[in-house]
Amino acid sequence: MIANQKEESIRKEVAKECLKSHEVRYFFQKLCYEGSQSGMIDQLKTSQQAHLFFDKYTQEINALTMESKENISTPLIITGDIKTSLAYFAFDEIGYRLSQELGLEL
């Protein structure tokens, strides 16, 4: 199970948040439609929390950002605080990928 892995990762963080929800599909639907910036993620509710998340997962977030830059013709547009925006982006992107792996139709 992802949430029980020893290694820390954004994927593990998403899985732990999902487990707090009573309904897996609803969690991923809400994440995909409203995003982590909506306040649904406990550890990303404030800019200070988002900065800590960014600092903890900087390498993983940078890799996701580069991958996005290479694979999407539309550039990633960051408005406001860069650490907060990229923390939200990374959490949402990994959430989307996990929902696809689970075969959820959102």
C-alpha atoms as a PDB file:
ATOM      1  CA  MET A   1       0.000   0.000   0.000  1.00  0.00           C
ATOM      2  CA  ILE A   2       1.360   3.399  -1.004  1.00  0.00           C
ATOM      3  CA  ALA A   3       0.531   5.140   2.289  1.00  0.00           C
ATOM      4  CA  ASN A   4       2.625   2.609   4.236  1.00  0.00           C
ATOM      5  CA  GLN A   5       5.795   2.937   2.156  1.00  0.00           C
ATOM      6  CA  LYS A   6       8.882   3.973   4.101  1.00  0.00           C
ATOM      7  CA  GLU A   7      10.091   6.452   1.494  1.00  0.00           C
ATOM      8  CA  GLU A   8       8.430   9.861   1.612  1.00  0.00           C
ATOM      9  CA  SER A   9       6.928  11.083  -1.666  1.00  0.00           C
ATOM     10  CA  ILE A  10       4.134  13.246  -2.985  1.00  0.00           C
ATOM     11  CA  ARG A  11       2.429  10.048  -4.098  1.00  0.00           C
ATOM     12  CA  LYS A  12       2.439   8.846  -0.482  1.00  0.00           C
ATOM     13  CA  GLU A  13       1.070  12.195   0.720  1.00  0.00           C
ATOM     14  CA  VAL A  14      -1.812  11.983  -1.775  1.00  0.00           C
ATOM     15  CA  ALA A  15      -2.560   8.417  -0.690  1.00  0.00           C
ATOM     16  CA  LYS A  16      -2.599   9.409   3.004  1.00  0.00           C
ATOM     17  CA  GLU A  17      -5.013  12.270   2.298  1.00  0.00           C
ATOM     18  CA  CYS A  18      -7.217   9.942   0.257  1.00  0.00           C
ATOM     19  CA  LEU A  19      -7.401   7.492   3.152  1.00  0.00           C
ATOM     20  CA  LYS A  20      -8.873  10.248   5.346  1.00  0.00           C
ATOM     21  CA  SER A  21     -11.805  10.418   2.936  1.00  0.00           C
ATOM     22  CA  HIS A  22     -14.716   8.028   3.265  1.00  0.00           C
ATOM     23  CA  GLU A  23     -15.050   7.719  -0.482  1.00  0.00           C
ATOM     24  CA  VAL A  24     -12.014   7.307  -2.743  1.00  0.00           C
ATOM     25  CA  ARG A  25     -13.787   8.316  -5.956  1.00  0.00           C
ATOM     26  CA  TYR A  26     -15.236  11.450  -4.336  1.00  0.00           C
ATOM     27  CA  PHE A  27     -11.790  12.448  -3.033  1.00  0.00           C
ATOM     28  CA  PHE A  28     -10.233  12.220  -6.496  1.00  0.00           C
ATOM     29  CA  GLN A  29     -13.197  13.931  -8.173  1.00  0.00           C
ATOM     30  CA  LYS A  30     -12.979  16.837  -5.775  1.00  0.00           C
ATOM     31  CA  LEU A  31      -9.197  17.023  -6.135  1.00  0.00           C
ATOM     32  CA  CYS A  32      -9.386  16.982  -9.935  1.00  0.00           C
ATOM     33  CA  TYR A  33     -12.224  19.507 -10.199  1.00  0.00           C
ATOM     34  CA  GLU A  34     -11.449  21.875  -7.322  1.00  0.00           C
ATOM     35  CA  GLY A  35      -7.747  21.291  -6.768  1.00  0.00           C
ATOM     36  CA  SER A  36      -5.701  21.253  -3.625  1.00  0.00           C
ATOM     37  CA  GLN A  37      -5.871  25.050  -3.446  1.00  0.00           C
ATOM     38  CA  SER A  38      -9.558  24.684  -2.477  1.00  0.00           C
ATOM     39  CA  GLY A  39      -8.512  23.933   1.103  1.00  0.00           C
ATOM     40  CA  MET A  40      -9.400  20.235   0.989  1.00  0.00           C
ATOM     41  CA  ILE A  41      -5.837  19.144   1.778  1.00  0.00           C
ATOM     42  CA  ASP A  42      -4.917  19.615   5.434  1.00  0.00           C
ATOM     43  CA  GLN A  43      -1.213  20.129   4.834  1.00  0.00           C
ATOM     44  CA  LEU A  44      -1.744  22.707   2.065  1.00  0.00           C
ATOM     45  CA  LYS A  45      -4.299  25.020   3.680  1.00  0.00           C
ATOM     46  CA  THR A  46      -1.905  27.911   4.251  1.00  0.00           C
ATOM     47  CA  SER A  47       0.984  29.383   2.297  1.00  0.00           C
ATOM     48  CA  GLN A  48       3.325  28.457   5.137  1.00  0.00           C
ATOM     49  CA  GLN A  49       2.210  24.817   4.914  1.00  0.00           C
ATOM     50  CA  ALA A  50       2.560  24.851   1.121  1.00  0.00           C
ATOM     51  CA  HIS A  51       6.093  26.247   1.475  1.00  0.00           C
ATOM     52  CA  LEU A  52       7.036  23.423   3.861  1.00  0.00           C
ATOM     53  CA  PHE A  53       5.577  20.891   1.413  1.00  0.00           C
ATOM     54  CA  PHE A  54       7.504  22.487  -1.457  1.00  0.00           C
ATOM     55  CA  ASP A  55      10.747  22.508   0.530  1.00  0.00           C
ATOM     56  CA  LYS A  56      10.301  18.848   1.484  1.00  0.00           C
ATOM     57  CA  TYR A  57       9.590  17.716  -2.094  1.00  0.00           C
ATOM     58  CA  THR A  58      11.573  20.250  -4.138  1.00  0.00           C
ATOM     59  CA  GLN A  59      13.354  17.665  -6.287  1.00  0.00           C
ATOM     60  CA  GLU A  60      10.172  15.765  -7.057  1.00  0.00           C
ATOM     61  CA  ILE A  61       8.290  18.990  -7.827  1.00  0.00           C
ATOM     62  CA  ASN A  62      11.096  20.218 -10.104  1.00  0.00           C
ATOM     63  CA  ALA A  63      11.018  16.902 -11.987  1.00  0.00           C
ATOM     64  CA  LEU A  64       7.237  17.171 -12.428  1.00  0.00           C
ATOM     65  CA  THR A  65       7.585  20.744 -13.631  1.00  0.00           C
ATOM     66  CA  MET A  66      10.230  19.776 -16.205  1.00  0.00           C
ATOM     67  CA  GLU A  67       8.173  16.801 -17.351  1.00  0.00           C
ATOM     68  CA  SER A  68       5.154  19.042 -17.778  1.00  0.00           C
ATOM     69  CA  LYS A  69       7.230  21.573 -19.700  1.00  0.00           C
ATOM     70  CA  GLU A  70       8.453  18.860 -22.078  1.00  0.00           C
ATOM     71  CA  ASN A  71       5.094  17.133 -22.615  1.00  0.00           C
ATOM     72  CA  ILE A  72       2.604  19.985 -22.783  1.00  0.00           C
ATOM     73  CA  SER A  73       2.601  22.586 -25.527  1.00  0.00           C
ATOM     74  CA  THR A  74       0.968  25.144 -23.221  1.00  0.00           C
ATOM     75  CA  PRO A  75       3.433  26.546 -20.704  1.00  0.00           C
ATOM     76  CA  LEU A  76       2.801  26.153 -17.006  1.00  0.00           C
ATOM     77  CA  ILE A  77       1.645  29.580 -15.872  1.00  0.00           C
ATOM     78  CA  ILE A  78       2.416  30.428 -12.280  1.00  0.00           C
ATOM     79  CA  THR A  79       0.562  33.241 -10.613  1.00  0.00           C
ATOM     80  CA  GLY A  80       1.278  34.480  -7.141  1.00  0.00           C
ATOM     81  CA  ASP A  81       3.656  32.722  -4.820  1.00  0.00           C
ATOM     82  CA  ILE A  82       5.810  30.240  -6.755  1.00  0.00           C
ATOM     83  CA  LYS A  83       6.311  27.729  -3.918  1.00  0.00           C
ATOM     84  CA  THR A  84       2.608  27.604  -3.110  1.00  0.00           C
ATOM     85  CA  SER A  85       1.582  27.348  -6.766  1.00  0.00           C
ATOM     86  CA  LEU A  86       4.036  24.546  -7.468  1.00  0.00           C
ATOM     87  CA  ALA A  87       3.054  22.643  -4.312  1.00  0.00           C
ATOM     88  CA  TYR A  88      -0.587  22.737  -5.480  1.00  0.00           C
ATOM     89  CA  PHE A  89       0.406  21.774  -9.024  1.00  0.00           C
ATOM     90  CA  ALA A  90       2.440  18.778  -7.846  1.00  0.00           C
ATOM     91  CA  PHE A  91      -0.201  17.488  -5.449  1.00  0.00           C
ATOM     92  CA  ASP A  92      -2.935  17.825  -8.081  1.00  0.00           C
ATOM     93  CA  GLU A  93      -0.834  16.235 -10.819  1.00  0.00           C
ATOM     94  CA  ILE A  94       0.099  13.223  -8.707  1.00  0.00           C
ATOM     95  CA  GLY A  95      -3.523  12.944  -7.593  1.00  0.00           C
ATOM     96  CA  TYR A  96      -4.644  12.874 -11.207  1.00  0.00           C
ATOM     97  CA  ARG A  97      -2.080  10.206 -12.071  1.00  0.00           C
ATOM     98  CA  LEU A  98      -3.134   8.050  -9.134  1.00  0.00           C
ATOM     99  CA  SER A  99      -6.786   8.324 -10.141  1.00  0.00           C
ATOM    100  CA  GLN A 100      -5.826   7.108 -13.620  1.00  0.00           C
ATOM    101  CA  GLU A 101      -3.846   4.187 -12.186  1.00  0.00           C
ATOM    102  CA  LEU A 102      -6.909   3.211 -10.138  1.00  0.00           C
ATOM    103  CA  GLY A 103      -9.031   3.323 -13.283  1.00  0.00           C
ATOM    104  CA  LEU A 104     -11.386   5.949 -11.880  1.00  0.00           C
ATOM    105  CA  GLU A 105     -13.521   7.757 -14.410  1.00  0.00           C
ATOM    106  CA  LEU A 106     -13.716  11.330 -13.231  1.00  0.00           C
END
